[in-house]
């Protein structure tokens, strides 16, 4: 199963979260570091999600026409201790 980590962007439809996953790679010719993002429609049921949460998603069977991932867990926020 493929697992990705991203940020919840929208929660407009019930049981579906739009998660934005960013990846960074080096351009093969120019050597510049390039950032790309992709949005995934993810299924969730029992989690209390909010926009801006960082989550881990996992591939699963097709739930609908666009949903091929489900939200596994919320990544806890790290607080800095001064």
N, C-alpha and C. Protein backbone atom coordinates (compact mmCIF):
# COMPACT_ATOMS: atom_id res chain seq x y z
N UNK A 1 0.84 -1.18 0.00
CA UNK A 1 0.00 0.00 0.00
C UNK A 1 0.89 1.25 0.00
N UNK A 2 0.53 2.18 -0.84
CA UNK A 2 1.29 3.42 -0.95
C UNK A 2 0.80 4.41 0.10
N UNK A 3 1.72 5.00 0.86
CA UNK A 3 1.36 5.99 1.86
C UNK A 3 2.02 7.32 1.51
N UNK A 4 1.24 8.41 1.66
CA UNK A 4 1.73 9.75 1.40
C UNK A 4 1.36 10.64 2.57
N UNK A 5 2.06 11.76 2.72
CA UNK A 5 1.77 12.71 3.77
C UNK A 5 1.46 14.06 3.14
N UNK A 6 0.36 14.68 3.59
CA UNK A 6 -0.04 15.95 3.01
C UNK A 6 -0.87 16.77 3.97
N UNK A 7 -1.41 17.88 3.45
CA UNK A 7 -2.18 18.83 4.25
C UNK A 7 -3.62 18.86 3.73
N UNK A 8 -4.59 18.83 4.65
CA UNK A 8 -6.00 18.90 4.28
C UNK A 8 -6.31 20.29 3.75
N UNK A 9 -6.83 20.35 2.51
CA UNK A 9 -7.11 21.62 1.87
C UNK A 9 -8.58 22.01 2.02
N UNK A 10 -9.49 21.11 1.66
CA UNK A 10 -10.92 21.40 1.76
C UNK A 10 -11.67 20.22 2.35
N UNK A 11 -12.79 20.53 3.01
CA UNK A 11 -13.68 19.53 3.60
C UNK A 11 -15.13 19.85 3.21
N UNK A 12 -15.36 20.20 1.96
CA UNK A 12 -16.68 20.67 1.54
C UNK A 12 -17.69 19.55 1.36
N UNK A 13 -17.25 18.35 1.00
CA UNK A 13 -18.18 17.24 0.79
C UNK A 13 -18.09 16.28 1.97
N UNK A 14 -19.22 15.61 2.32
CA UNK A 14 -19.20 14.70 3.46
C UNK A 14 -18.33 13.47 3.19
N UNK A 15 -17.56 13.07 4.19
CA UNK A 15 -16.68 11.90 4.16
C UNK A 15 -15.59 12.00 3.09
N UNK A 16 -15.32 13.19 2.56
CA UNK A 16 -14.25 13.37 1.58
C UNK A 16 -13.41 14.57 1.96
N UNK A 17 -12.09 14.37 1.94
CA UNK A 17 -11.15 15.45 2.23
C UNK A 17 -10.23 15.61 1.03
N UNK A 18 -10.02 16.84 0.60
CA UNK A 18 -9.03 17.12 -0.44
C UNK A 18 -7.69 17.32 0.27
N UNK A 19 -6.72 16.48 -0.06
CA UNK A 19 -5.41 16.53 0.57
C UNK A 19 -4.37 16.92 -0.47
N UNK A 20 -3.58 17.94 -0.18
CA UNK A 20 -2.53 18.39 -1.07
C UNK A 20 -1.20 17.78 -0.63
N UNK A 21 -0.56 17.07 -1.55
CA UNK A 21 0.72 16.42 -1.28
C UNK A 21 1.79 17.11 -2.11
N UNK A 22 2.86 17.56 -1.46
CA UNK A 22 3.95 18.24 -2.15
C UNK A 22 5.14 17.29 -2.26
N UNK A 23 5.81 17.36 -3.40
CA UNK A 23 7.04 16.58 -3.57
C UNK A 23 8.10 17.49 -4.16
N UNK A 24 9.34 17.17 -3.86
CA UNK A 24 10.46 17.98 -4.32
C UNK A 24 11.44 17.07 -5.04
N UNK A 25 11.90 17.51 -6.21
CA UNK A 25 12.85 16.73 -6.99
C UNK A 25 13.84 17.65 -7.67
N UNK A 26 14.94 17.10 -8.09
CA UNK A 26 15.99 17.87 -8.73
C UNK A 26 15.86 17.72 -10.24
N UNK A 27 15.87 18.84 -10.96
CA UNK A 27 15.76 18.81 -12.41
C UNK A 27 16.99 18.11 -12.99
N UNK A 28 16.79 17.14 -13.92
CA UNK A 28 17.92 16.35 -14.39
C UNK A 28 18.96 17.14 -15.19
N UNK A 29 18.56 18.20 -15.88
CA UNK A 29 19.52 18.96 -16.70
C UNK A 29 20.06 20.17 -15.94
N UNK A 30 19.15 20.97 -15.36
CA UNK A 30 19.55 22.24 -14.75
C UNK A 30 19.98 22.11 -13.29
N UNK A 31 19.61 21.01 -12.65
CA UNK A 31 20.03 20.80 -11.27
C UNK A 31 19.26 21.61 -10.25
N UNK A 32 18.26 22.36 -10.71
CA UNK A 32 17.48 23.18 -9.80
C UNK A 32 16.48 22.30 -9.04
N UNK A 33 16.25 22.64 -7.79
CA UNK A 33 15.29 21.92 -6.98
C UNK A 33 13.88 22.42 -7.33
N UNK A 34 12.98 21.50 -7.72
CA UNK A 34 11.65 21.86 -8.19
C UNK A 34 10.60 21.29 -7.25
N UNK A 35 9.60 22.10 -6.90
CA UNK A 35 8.51 21.67 -6.04
C UNK A 35 7.25 21.47 -6.87
N UNK A 36 6.58 20.35 -6.70
CA UNK A 36 5.31 20.07 -7.39
C UNK A 36 4.29 19.63 -6.34
N UNK A 37 3.03 19.99 -6.57
CA UNK A 37 1.95 19.57 -5.67
C UNK A 37 0.89 18.82 -6.45
N UNK A 38 0.16 17.95 -5.75
CA UNK A 38 -0.94 17.22 -6.35
C UNK A 38 -2.03 17.07 -5.30
N UNK A 39 -3.28 17.17 -5.73
CA UNK A 39 -4.42 17.06 -4.81
C UNK A 39 -5.08 15.70 -4.97
N UNK A 40 -5.36 15.07 -3.85
CA UNK A 40 -6.02 13.77 -3.82
C UNK A 40 -7.33 13.88 -3.07
N UNK A 41 -8.38 13.24 -3.61
CA UNK A 41 -9.64 13.12 -2.89
C UNK A 41 -9.54 11.89 -2.01
N UNK A 42 -9.73 12.05 -0.69
CA UNK A 42 -9.51 10.97 0.26
C UNK A 42 -10.75 10.72 1.10
N UNK A 43 -11.01 9.46 1.39
CA UNK A 43 -12.16 9.06 2.19
C UNK A 43 -11.78 9.07 3.67
N UNK A 44 -12.69 9.56 4.51
CA UNK A 44 -12.50 9.48 5.96
C UNK A 44 -13.86 9.35 6.62
N UNK A 45 -13.91 8.71 7.79
CA UNK A 45 -15.19 8.53 8.48
C UNK A 45 -15.12 8.98 9.93
N UNK A 46 -14.25 8.40 10.73
CA UNK A 46 -14.30 8.61 12.18
C UNK A 46 -13.31 9.64 12.70
N UNK A 47 -12.54 10.26 11.84
CA UNK A 47 -11.56 11.26 12.27
C UNK A 47 -12.19 12.64 12.31
N UNK A 48 -11.75 13.46 13.25
CA UNK A 48 -12.20 14.85 13.35
C UNK A 48 -11.19 15.72 12.61
N UNK A 49 -11.39 15.89 11.32
CA UNK A 49 -10.44 16.65 10.50
C UNK A 49 -10.82 18.12 10.44
N UNK A 50 -9.82 18.96 10.30
CA UNK A 50 -9.98 20.39 10.07
C UNK A 50 -9.05 20.79 8.95
N UNK A 51 -9.38 21.87 8.27
CA UNK A 51 -8.50 22.36 7.21
C UNK A 51 -7.17 22.77 7.82
N UNK A 52 -6.08 22.39 7.18
CA UNK A 52 -4.75 22.70 7.68
C UNK A 52 -4.11 21.57 8.45
N UNK A 53 -4.87 20.52 8.78
CA UNK A 53 -4.29 19.36 9.46
C UNK A 53 -3.32 18.63 8.54
N UNK A 54 -2.25 18.13 9.11
CA UNK A 54 -1.32 17.30 8.36
C UNK A 54 -1.73 15.85 8.59
N UNK A 55 -1.92 15.09 7.51
CA UNK A 55 -2.44 13.73 7.61
C UNK A 55 -1.59 12.76 6.79
N UNK A 56 -1.75 11.48 7.10
CA UNK A 56 -1.15 10.41 6.31
C UNK A 56 -2.29 9.71 5.57
N UNK A 57 -2.14 9.56 4.25
CA UNK A 57 -3.15 8.90 3.43
C UNK A 57 -2.56 7.62 2.84
N UNK A 58 -3.45 6.67 2.52
CA UNK A 58 -3.02 5.38 2.01
C UNK A 58 -3.91 4.97 0.85
N UNK A 59 -3.32 4.34 -0.16
CA UNK A 59 -4.11 3.88 -1.30
C UNK A 59 -5.04 2.76 -0.87
N UNK A 60 -6.18 2.67 -1.54
CA UNK A 60 -7.18 1.65 -1.23
C UNK A 60 -7.98 1.34 -2.49
N UNK A 61 -8.98 0.52 -2.36
CA UNK A 61 -9.84 0.22 -3.49
C UNK A 61 -10.58 1.49 -3.90
N UNK A 62 -11.05 1.58 -5.14
CA UNK A 62 -11.79 2.78 -5.54
C UNK A 62 -13.10 2.95 -4.76
N UNK A 63 -13.24 4.08 -4.09
CA UNK A 63 -14.46 4.38 -3.33
C UNK A 63 -15.49 5.07 -4.20
N UNK A 64 -15.03 5.85 -5.18
CA UNK A 64 -15.92 6.53 -6.12
C UNK A 64 -15.09 6.83 -7.36
N UNK A 65 -15.60 7.72 -8.20
CA UNK A 65 -14.89 8.04 -9.44
C UNK A 65 -13.53 8.66 -9.20
N UNK A 66 -13.41 9.47 -8.15
CA UNK A 66 -12.15 10.17 -7.89
C UNK A 66 -11.42 9.70 -6.64
N UNK A 67 -12.11 9.03 -5.73
CA UNK A 67 -11.48 8.66 -4.45
C UNK A 67 -10.77 7.31 -4.56
N UNK A 68 -9.44 7.36 -4.43
CA UNK A 68 -8.62 6.15 -4.46
C UNK A 68 -7.72 6.06 -3.22
N UNK A 69 -7.88 6.99 -2.29
CA UNK A 69 -7.08 7.03 -1.07
C UNK A 69 -7.99 7.19 0.13
N UNK A 70 -7.51 6.78 1.30
CA UNK A 70 -8.23 7.02 2.55
C UNK A 70 -7.29 7.61 3.57
N UNK A 71 -7.83 8.42 4.47
CA UNK A 71 -7.03 9.06 5.52
C UNK A 71 -6.81 8.04 6.63
N UNK A 72 -5.55 7.81 6.95
CA UNK A 72 -5.19 6.84 7.98
C UNK A 72 -5.13 7.49 9.35
N UNK A 73 -4.37 8.59 9.47
CA UNK A 73 -4.20 9.24 10.77
C UNK A 73 -3.82 10.69 10.59
N UNK A 74 -4.01 11.44 11.68
CA UNK A 74 -3.60 12.84 11.73
C UNK A 74 -2.21 12.88 12.36
N UNK A 75 -1.30 13.62 11.74
CA UNK A 75 0.05 13.78 12.28
C UNK A 75 0.00 14.84 13.38
N UNK A 76 0.44 14.52 14.58
CA UNK A 76 0.37 15.51 15.66
C UNK A 76 1.33 16.67 15.40
N UNK A 77 0.89 17.86 15.79
CA UNK A 77 1.72 19.06 15.61
C UNK A 77 2.82 19.07 16.65
N UNK A 78 4.01 19.46 16.22
CA UNK A 78 5.16 19.53 17.12
C UNK A 78 5.28 20.96 17.64
N UNK A 79 5.31 21.11 18.95
CA UNK A 79 5.46 22.44 19.54
C UNK A 79 6.90 22.61 20.01
N UNK A 80 7.43 23.80 19.76
CA UNK A 80 8.80 24.10 20.16
C UNK A 80 8.83 24.49 21.63
N UNK A 81 9.81 23.96 22.34
CA UNK A 81 9.98 24.29 23.74
C UNK A 81 11.12 25.31 23.84
N UNK A 82 10.79 26.45 24.44
CA UNK A 82 11.80 27.52 24.51
C UNK A 82 12.63 27.42 25.76
